[in-house]
Each structure stands twice: as structure tokens, then as C-alpha cells.
């Protein structure tokens, strides 16, 4: 496996062998988390909101809550430019 470094904008480039083995393509999306002090990237298949629909317990309308969460997620995506 190749190595990479974090740029001044906190970006990293995936080494070619990792991209090829993981079949990473332009536009693929990942969730980045920290588990036991290690950074973990997991590919997202489909939109997050669609994958998690129905998993919330709310006092109000589930549809209204889903719309609120979707709007917040889309707002974050626009701010991050993804």
C-alpha cells in the first residue's frame, strides 16, 4: 500500500493501488470516522437519508422529521461542496 500526506487544506490523495483495489471512482462518497484511534473510510452506497429512513423515533410526524433531516443534510452538502 502507498503512503499519502495531509495537505494544508486537510485533503489527502488515495494512492493508485488503493484506488484500484477498492474500485474507487470520481464522485464516490465516503463516511470518515474514527474508531479506536484509527481513521476509517467507508463507501456510501446511495443517499444517506434514503438508507436511514424509518430509523428515527419522533413525537411528531415521521414525514416532517425526515424532510427536516434531509434539508439539513443537503444544506451541509452545499456548504461542503459535495
PDB file of N, CA and C in Angstrom:
ATOM      1  N   UNK A   1       0.830  -1.170   0.000  1.00  0.00           N
ATOM      2  CA  UNK A   1       0.000   0.000   0.000  1.00  0.00           C
ATOM      3  C   UNK A   1       0.885   1.247   0.000  1.00  0.00           C
ATOM      4  N   UNK A   2       0.441   2.263  -0.721  1.00  0.00           N
ATOM      5  CA  UNK A   2       1.190   3.508  -0.800  1.00  0.00           C
ATOM      6  C   UNK A   2       0.953   4.381   0.416  1.00  0.00           C
ATOM      7  N   UNK A   3       1.691   5.455   0.476  1.00  0.00           N
ATOM      8  CA  UNK A   3       1.513   6.420   1.558  1.00  0.00           C
ATOM      9  C   UNK A   3       0.996   7.729   0.974  1.00  0.00           C
ATOM     10  N   UNK A   4       0.456   8.565   1.844  1.00  0.00           N
ATOM     11  CA  UNK A   4      -0.058   9.860   1.437  1.00  0.00           C
ATOM     12  C   UNK A   4       0.151  10.829   2.583  1.00  0.00           C
ATOM     13  N   UNK A   5      -0.057  12.095   2.345  1.00  0.00           N
ATOM     14  CA  UNK A   5       0.045  13.074   3.422  1.00  0.00           C
ATOM     15  C   UNK A   5      -1.132  14.033   3.350  1.00  0.00           C
ATOM     16  N   UNK A   6      -1.380  14.704   4.444  1.00  0.00           N
ATOM     17  CA  UNK A   6      -2.462  15.672   4.534  1.00  0.00           C
ATOM     18  C   UNK A   6      -1.931  17.015   4.036  1.00  0.00           C
ATOM     19  N   UNK A   7      -2.656  17.653   3.110  1.00  0.00           N
ATOM     20  CA  UNK A   7      -2.256  18.956   2.590  1.00  0.00           C
ATOM     21  C   UNK A   7      -2.679  20.050   3.555  1.00  0.00           C
ATOM     22  N   UNK A   8      -2.307  21.277   3.254  1.00  0.00           N
ATOM     23  CA  UNK A   8      -2.663  22.389   4.140  1.00  0.00           C
ATOM     24  C   UNK A   8      -4.168  22.612   4.194  1.00  0.00           C
ATOM     25  N   UNK A   9      -4.904  22.114   3.218  1.00  0.00           N
ATOM     26  CA  UNK A   9      -6.368  22.204   3.226  1.00  0.00           C
ATOM     27  C   UNK A   9      -7.005  20.944   3.812  1.00  0.00           C
ATOM     28  N   UNK A  10      -6.187  20.120   4.476  1.00  0.00           N
ATOM     29  CA  UNK A  10      -6.644  18.874   5.101  1.00  0.00           C
ATOM     30  C   UNK A  10      -7.206  17.886   4.089  1.00  0.00           C
ATOM     31  N   UNK A  11      -6.634  17.853   2.903  1.00  0.00           N
ATOM     32  CA  UNK A  11      -7.045  16.900   1.873  1.00  0.00           C
ATOM     33  C   UNK A  11      -5.988  15.810   1.760  1.00  0.00           C
ATOM     34  N   UNK A  12      -6.432  14.628   1.341  1.00  0.00           N
ATOM     35  CA  UNK A  12      -5.498  13.533   1.091  1.00  0.00           C
ATOM     36  C   UNK A  12      -5.794  12.953  -0.287  1.00  0.00           C
ATOM     37  N   UNK A  13      -4.778  12.387  -0.917  1.00  0.00           N
ATOM     38  CA  UNK A  13      -4.939  11.692  -2.189  1.00  0.00           C
ATOM     39  C   UNK A  13      -4.798  10.205  -1.917  1.00  0.00           C
ATOM     40  N   UNK A  14      -5.763   9.426  -2.387  1.00  0.00           N
ATOM     41  CA  UNK A  14      -5.660   7.985  -2.215  1.00  0.00           C
ATOM     42  C   UNK A  14      -4.615   7.448  -3.188  1.00  0.00           C
ATOM     43  N   UNK A  15      -3.682   6.640  -2.715  1.00  0.00           N
ATOM     44  CA  UNK A  15      -2.684   6.069  -3.617  1.00  0.00           C
ATOM     45  C   UNK A  15      -3.348   5.224  -4.707  1.00  0.00           C
ATOM     46  N   UNK A  16      -2.702   5.144  -5.847  1.00  0.00           N
ATOM     47  CA  UNK A  16      -3.267   4.459  -7.006  1.00  0.00           C
ATOM     48  C   UNK A  16      -3.639   3.014  -6.695  1.00  0.00           C
ATOM     49  N   UNK A  17      -2.769   2.284  -5.987  1.00  0.00           N
ATOM     50  CA  UNK A  17      -3.078   0.884  -5.703  1.00  0.00           C
ATOM     51  C   UNK A  17      -4.327   0.754  -4.825  1.00  0.00           C
ATOM     52  N   UNK A  18      -4.523   1.679  -3.908  1.00  0.00           N
ATOM     53  CA  UNK A  18      -5.716   1.660  -3.056  1.00  0.00           C
ATOM     54  C   UNK A  18      -6.956   1.959  -3.892  1.00  0.00           C
ATOM     55  N   UNK A  19      -6.861   2.959  -4.777  1.00  0.00           N
ATOM     56  CA  UNK A  19      -7.999   3.289  -5.653  1.00  0.00           C
ATOM     57  C   UNK A  19      -8.382   2.099  -6.514  1.00  0.00           C
ATOM     58  N   UNK A  20      -7.378   1.423  -7.067  1.00  0.00           N
ATOM     59  CA  UNK A  20      -7.664   0.289  -7.951  1.00  0.00           C
ATOM     60  C   UNK A  20      -8.229  -0.895  -7.186  1.00  0.00           C
ATOM     61  N   UNK A  21      -7.613  -1.242  -6.050  1.00  0.00           N
ATOM     62  CA  UNK A  21      -8.110  -2.370  -5.252  1.00  0.00           C
ATOM     63  C   UNK A  21      -9.510  -2.101  -4.714  1.00  0.00           C
ATOM     64  N   UNK A  22      -9.764  -0.859  -4.313  1.00  0.00           N
ATOM     65  CA  UNK A  22     -11.068  -0.503  -3.765  1.00  0.00           C
ATOM     66  C   UNK A  22     -12.080  -0.095  -4.816  1.00  0.00           C
ATOM     67  N   UNK A  23     -11.634  -0.089  -6.082  1.00  0.00           N
ATOM     68  CA  UNK A  23     -12.512   0.326  -7.194  1.00  0.00           C
ATOM     69  C   UNK A  23     -13.155   1.681  -6.902  1.00  0.00           C
ATOM     70  N   UNK A  24     -12.312   2.640  -6.520  1.00  0.00           N
ATOM     71  CA  UNK A  24     -12.763   3.992  -6.204  1.00  0.00           C
ATOM     72  C   UNK A  24     -12.836   4.795  -7.495  1.00  0.00           C
ATOM     73  N   UNK A  25     -13.944   5.483  -7.698  1.00  0.00           N
ATOM     74  CA  UNK A  25     -14.156   6.280  -8.904  1.00  0.00           C
ATOM     75  C   UNK A  25     -14.439   7.734  -8.519  1.00  0.00           C
ATOM     76  N   UNK A  26     -14.207   8.624  -9.451  1.00  0.00           N
ATOM     77  CA  UNK A  26     -14.512  10.036  -9.230  1.00  0.00           C
ATOM     78  C   UNK A  26     -15.991  10.164  -8.888  1.00  0.00           C
ATOM     79  N   UNK A  27     -16.284  10.900  -7.851  1.00  0.00           N
ATOM     80  CA  UNK A  27     -17.668  11.103  -7.426  1.00  0.00           C
ATOM     81  C   UNK A  27     -18.123  10.149  -6.340  1.00  0.00           C
ATOM     82  N   UNK A  28     -17.342   9.097  -6.059  1.00  0.00           N
ATOM     83  CA  UNK A  28     -17.712   8.190  -4.974  1.00  0.00           C
ATOM     84  C   UNK A  28     -17.737   8.969  -3.666  1.00  0.00           C
ATOM     85  N   UNK A  29     -18.591   8.558  -2.763  1.00  0.00           N
ATOM     86  CA  UNK A  29     -18.728   9.249  -1.485  1.00  0.00           C
ATOM     87  C   UNK A  29     -18.384   8.286  -0.357  1.00  0.00           C
ATOM     88  N   UNK A  30     -17.788   8.838   0.695  1.00  0.00           N
ATOM     89  CA  UNK A  30     -17.359   8.043   1.832  1.00  0.00           C
ATOM     90  C   UNK A  30     -17.763   8.721   3.125  1.00  0.00           C
ATOM     91  N   UNK A  31     -17.954   7.899   4.156  1.00  0.00           N
ATOM     92  CA  UNK A  31     -18.108   8.394   5.514  1.00  0.00           C
ATOM     93  C   UNK A  31     -16.758   8.170   6.178  1.00  0.00           C
ATOM     94  N   UNK A  32     -16.237   9.194   6.845  1.00  0.00           N
ATOM     95  CA  UNK A  32     -14.950   9.090   7.517  1.00  0.00           C
ATOM     96  C   UNK A  32     -15.205   9.169   9.019  1.00  0.00           C
ATOM     97  N   UNK A  33     -14.754   8.148   9.744  1.00  0.00           N
ATOM     98  CA  UNK A  33     -14.952   8.097  11.193  1.00  0.00           C
ATOM     99  C   UNK A  33     -13.639   7.769  11.884  1.00  0.00           C
ATOM    100  N   UNK A  34     -13.660   7.882  13.185  1.00  0.00           N
ATOM    101  CA  UNK A  34     -12.512   7.489  13.997  1.00  0.00           C
ATOM    102  C   UNK A  34     -12.965   6.351  14.896  1.00  0.00           C
ATOM    103  N   UNK A  35     -12.266   5.221  14.819  1.00  0.00           N
ATOM    104  CA  UNK A  35     -12.590   4.053  15.630  1.00  0.00           C
ATOM    105  C   UNK A  35     -11.323   3.573  16.321  1.00  0.00           C
ATOM    106  N   UNK A  36     -11.325   3.616  17.634  1.00  0.00           N
ATOM    107  CA  UNK A  36     -10.161   3.182  18.422  1.00  0.00           C
ATOM    108  C   UNK A  36      -8.885   3.894  17.992  1.00  0.00           C
ATOM    109  N   UNK A  37      -8.991   5.184  17.721  1.00  0.00           N
ATOM    110  CA  UNK A  37      -7.821   5.965  17.344  1.00  0.00           C
ATOM    111  C   UNK A  37      -7.387   5.809  15.897  1.00  0.00           C
ATOM    112  N   UNK A  38      -8.095   5.036  15.103  1.00  0.00           N
ATOM    113  CA  UNK A  38      -7.789   4.830  13.687  1.00  0.00           C
ATOM    114  C   UNK A  38      -8.819   5.568  12.836  1.00  0.00           C
ATOM    115  N   UNK A  39      -8.393   6.127  11.713  1.00  0.00           N
ATOM    116  CA  UNK A  39      -9.313   6.784  10.782  1.00  0.00           C
ATOM    117  C   UNK A  39      -9.822   5.734   9.805  1.00  0.00           C
ATOM    118  N   UNK A  40     -11.139   5.661   9.664  1.00  0.00           N
ATOM    119  CA  UNK A  40     -11.769   4.644   8.823  1.00  0.00           C
ATOM    120  C   UNK A  40     -12.644   5.327   7.783  1.00  0.00           C
ATOM    121  N   UNK A  41     -12.478   4.935   6.515  1.00  0.00           N
ATOM    122  CA  UNK A  41     -13.329   5.442   5.430  1.00  0.00           C
ATOM    123  C   UNK A  41     -14.225   4.304   4.961  1.00  0.00           C
ATOM    124  N   UNK A  42     -15.515   4.577   4.844  1.00  0.00           N
ATOM    125  CA  UNK A  42     -16.463   3.578   4.361  1.00  0.00           C
ATOM    126  C   UNK A  42     -17.260   4.182   3.224  1.00  0.00           C
ATOM    127  N   UNK A  43     -17.331   3.449   2.114  1.00  0.00           N
ATOM    128  CA  UNK A  43     -18.064   3.925   0.943  1.00  0.00           C
ATOM    129  C   UNK A  43     -19.547   4.002   1.254  1.00  0.00           C
ATOM    130  N   UNK A  44     -20.180   5.070   0.762  1.00  0.00           N
ATOM    131  CA  UNK A  44     -21.623   5.257   0.905  1.00  0.00           C
ATOM    132  C   UNK A  44     -22.265   4.787  -0.392  1.00  0.00           C
ATOM    133  N   UNK A  45     -23.202   3.883  -0.270  1.00  0.00           N
ATOM    134  CA  UNK A  45     -23.959   3.427  -1.440  1.00  0.00           C
ATOM    135  C   UNK A  45     -25.337   4.064  -1.362  1.00  0.00           C
ATOM    136  N   UNK A  46     -25.641   4.944  -2.289  1.00  0.00           N
ATOM    137  CA  UNK A  46     -26.919   5.651  -2.278  1.00  0.00           C
ATOM    138  C   UNK A  46     -26.862   6.839  -1.345  1.00  0.00           C
ATOM    139  N   UNK A  47     -27.966   7.539  -1.227  1.00  0.00           N
ATOM    140  CA  UNK A  47     -28.025   8.720  -0.362  1.00  0.00           C
ATOM    141  C   UNK A  47     -28.233   8.287   1.078  1.00  0.00           C
ATOM    142  N   UNK A  48     -27.557   8.955   1.992  1.00  0.00           N
ATOM    143  CA  UNK A  48     -27.637   8.602   3.406  1.00  0.00           C
ATOM    144  C   UNK A  48     -29.069   8.676   3.909  1.00  0.00           C
ATOM    145  N   UNK A  49     -29.781   9.707   3.539  1.00  0.00           N
ATOM    146  CA  UNK A  49     -31.141   9.887   4.043  1.00  0.00           C
ATOM    147  C   UNK A  49     -32.031   8.716   3.627  1.00  0.00           C
ATOM    148  N   UNK A  50     -31.845   8.185   2.423  1.00  0.00           N
ATOM    149  CA  UNK A  50     -32.661   7.069   1.965  1.00  0.00           C
ATOM    150  C   UNK A  50     -32.296   5.777   2.688  1.00  0.00           C
ATOM    151  N   UNK A  51     -31.037   5.622   3.053  1.00  0.00           N
ATOM    152  CA  UNK A  51     -30.605   4.409   3.733  1.00  0.00           C
ATOM    153  C   UNK A  51     -31.062   4.369   5.178  1.00  0.00           C
ATOM    154  N   UNK A  52     -31.269   5.519   5.800  1.00  0.00           N
ATOM    155  CA  UNK A  52     -31.614   5.556   7.222  1.00  0.00           C
ATOM    156  C   UNK A  52     -33.086   5.853   7.474  1.00  0.00           C
ATOM    157  N   UNK A  53     -33.883   6.013   6.427  1.00  0.00           N
ATOM    158  CA  UNK A  53     -35.288   6.366   6.593  1.00  0.00           C
ATOM    159  C   UNK A  53     -35.986   5.328   7.469  1.00  0.00           C
ATOM    160  N   UNK A  54     -36.753   5.810   8.409  1.00  0.00           N
ATOM    161  CA  UNK A  54     -37.514   4.926   9.284  1.00  0.00           C
ATOM    162  C   UNK A  54     -36.770   4.538  10.552  1.00  0.00           C
ATOM    163  N   UNK A  55     -35.537   4.982  10.722  1.00  0.00           N
ATOM    164  CA  UNK A  55     -34.779   4.580  11.904  1.00  0.00           C
ATOM    165  C   UNK A  55     -34.904   5.562  13.051  1.00  0.00           C
ATOM    166  N   UNK A  56     -35.662   6.650  12.872  1.00  0.00           N
ATOM    167  CA  UNK A  56     -35.799   7.654  13.923  1.00  0.00           C
ATOM    168  C   UNK A  56     -37.090   7.449  14.683  1.00  0.00           C
ATOM    169  N   UNK A  57     -37.039   7.730  15.951  1.00  0.00           N
ATOM    170  CA  UNK A  57     -38.236   7.712  16.792  1.00  0.00           C
ATOM    171  C   UNK A  57     -38.551   9.169  17.134  1.00  0.00           C
ATOM    172  N   UNK A  58     -39.699   9.647  16.687  1.00  0.00           N
ATOM    173  CA  UNK A  58     -40.053  11.050  16.925  1.00  0.00           C
ATOM    174  C   UNK A  58     -41.445  11.140  17.524  1.00  0.00           C
ATOM    175  N   UNK A  59     -41.721  12.273  18.143  1.00  0.00           N
ATOM    176  CA  UNK A  59     -43.050  12.520  18.707  1.00  0.00           C
ATOM    177  C   UNK A  59     -43.992  13.055  17.637  1.00  0.00           C
ATOM    178  N   UNK A  60     -43.438  13.749  16.644  1.00  0.00           N
ATOM    179  CA  UNK A  60     -44.260  14.346  15.598  1.00  0.00           C
ATOM    180  C   UNK A  60     -44.351  13.444  14.380  1.00  0.00           C
ATOM    181  N   UNK A  61     -44.693  14.058  13.271  1.00  0.00           N
ATOM    182  CA  UNK A  61     -44.835  13.344  12.015  1.00  0.00           C
ATOM    183  C   UNK A  61     -43.476  12.834  11.533  1.00  0.00           C
ATOM    184  N   UNK A  62     -43.407  11.566  11.183  1.00  0.00           N
ATOM    185  CA  UNK A  62     -42.170  10.997  10.650  1.00  0.00           C
ATOM    186  C   UNK A  62     -41.782  11.640   9.335  1.00  0.00           C
ATOM    187  N   UNK A  63     -42.778  11.985   8.518  1.00  0.00           N
ATOM    188  CA  UNK A  63     -42.508  12.616   7.229  1.00  0.00           C
ATOM    189  C   UNK A  63     -41.902  14.000   7.437  1.00  0.00           C
ATOM    190  N   UNK A  64     -42.453  14.772   8.342  1.00  0.00           N
ATOM    191  CA  UNK A  64     -41.930  16.114   8.615  1.00  0.00           C
ATOM    192  C   UNK A  64     -40.502  16.032   9.158  1.00  0.00           C
ATOM    193  N   UNK A  65     -40.261  15.073  10.041  1.00  0.00           N
ATOM    194  CA  UNK A  65     -38.923  14.913  10.599  1.00  0.00           C
ATOM    195  C   UNK A  65     -37.933  14.500   9.508  1.00  0.00           C
ATOM    196  N   UNK A  66     -38.331  13.591   8.627  1.00  0.00           N
ATOM    197  CA  UNK A  66     -37.453  13.165   7.527  1.00  0.00           C
ATOM    198  C   UNK A  66     -37.124  14.336   6.612  1.00  0.00           C
ATOM    199  N   UNK A  67     -38.113  15.171   6.326  1.00  0.00           N
ATOM    200  CA  UNK A  67     -37.876  16.358   5.489  1.00  0.00           C
ATOM    201  C   UNK A  67     -36.885  17.314   6.159  1.00  0.00           C
ATOM    202  N   UNK A  68     -37.041  17.502   7.468  1.00  0.00           N
ATOM    203  CA  UNK A  68     -36.135  18.389   8.211  1.00  0.00           C
ATOM    204  C   UNK A  68     -34.704  17.854   8.142  1.00  0.00           C
ATOM    205  N   UNK A  69     -34.527  16.572   8.395  1.00  0.00           N
ATOM    206  CA  UNK A  69     -33.201  15.962   8.348  1.00  0.00           C
ATOM    207  C   UNK A  69     -32.621  16.032   6.942  1.00  0.00           C
ATOM    208  N   UNK A  70     -33.444  15.770   5.922  1.00  0.00           N
ATOM    209  CA  UNK A  70     -32.982  15.831   4.532  1.00  0.00           C
ATOM    210  C   UNK A  70     -32.523  17.243   4.179  1.00  0.00           C
ATOM    211  N   UNK A  71     -33.318  18.245   4.571  1.00  0.00           N
ATOM    212  CA  UNK A  71     -32.955  19.633   4.290  1.00  0.00           C
ATOM    213  C   UNK A  71     -31.650  20.017   4.985  1.00  0.00           C
ATOM    214  N   UNK A  72     -31.479  19.570   6.226  1.00  0.00           N
ATOM    215  CA  UNK A  72     -30.236  19.857   6.947  1.00  0.00           C
ATOM    216  C   UNK A  72     -29.045  19.184   6.268  1.00  0.00           C
ATOM    217  N   UNK A  73     -29.213  17.933   5.838  1.00  0.00           N
ATOM    218  CA  UNK A  73     -28.128  17.199   5.173  1.00  0.00           C
ATOM    219  C   UNK A  73     -27.770  17.860   3.847  1.00  0.00           C
ATOM    220  N   UNK A  74     -28.769  18.270   3.091  1.00  0.00           N
ATOM    221  CA  UNK A  74     -28.499  18.937   1.819  1.00  0.00           C
ATOM    222  C   UNK A  74     -27.805  20.277   2.042  1.00  0.00           C
ATOM    223  N   UNK A  75     -28.184  20.980   3.100  1.00  0.00           N
ATOM    224  CA  UNK A  75     -27.515  22.241   3.429  1.00  0.00           C
ATOM    225  C   UNK A  75     -26.048  22.028   3.758  1.00  0.00           C
ATOM    226  N   UNK A  76     -25.757  20.973   4.527  1.00  0.00           N
ATOM    227  CA  UNK A  76     -24.360  20.653   4.847  1.00  0.00           C
ATOM    228  C   UNK A  76     -23.591  20.287   3.587  1.00  0.00           C
ATOM    229  N   UNK A  77     -24.197  19.503   2.703  1.00  0.00           N
ATOM    230  CA  UNK A  77     -23.541  19.105   1.462  1.00  0.00           C
ATOM    231  C   UNK A  77     -23.201  20.329   0.616  1.00  0.00           C
ATOM    232  N   UNK A  78     -24.118  21.291   0.536  1.00  0.00           N
ATOM    233  CA  UNK A  78     -23.862  22.513  -0.243  1.00  0.00           C
ATOM    234  C   UNK A  78     -22.727  23.313   0.370  1.00  0.00           C
ATOM    235  N   UNK A  79     -22.743  23.450   1.714  1.00  0.00           N
ATOM    236  CA  UNK A  79     -21.670  24.196   2.367  1.00  0.00           C
ATOM    237  C   UNK A  79     -20.314  23.529   2.172  1.00  0.00           C
ATOM    238  N   UNK A  80     -20.285  22.192   2.150  1.00  0.00           N
ATOM    239  CA  UNK A  80     -19.026  21.461   1.989  1.00  0.00           C
ATOM    240  C   UNK A  80     -18.647  21.308   0.520  1.00  0.00           C
ATOM    241  N   UNK A  81     -19.574  21.600  -0.387  1.00  0.00           N
ATOM    242  CA  UNK A  81     -19.284  21.493  -1.812  1.00  0.00           C
ATOM    243  C   UNK A  81     -19.239  20.063  -2.312  1.00  0.00           C
ATOM    244  N   UNK A  82     -20.035  19.183  -1.719  1.00  0.00           N
ATOM    245  CA  UNK A  82     -20.068  17.779  -2.168  1.00  0.00           C
ATOM    246  C   UNK A  82     -21.379  17.428  -2.796  1.00  0.00           C
TER     247      UNK A  82
END
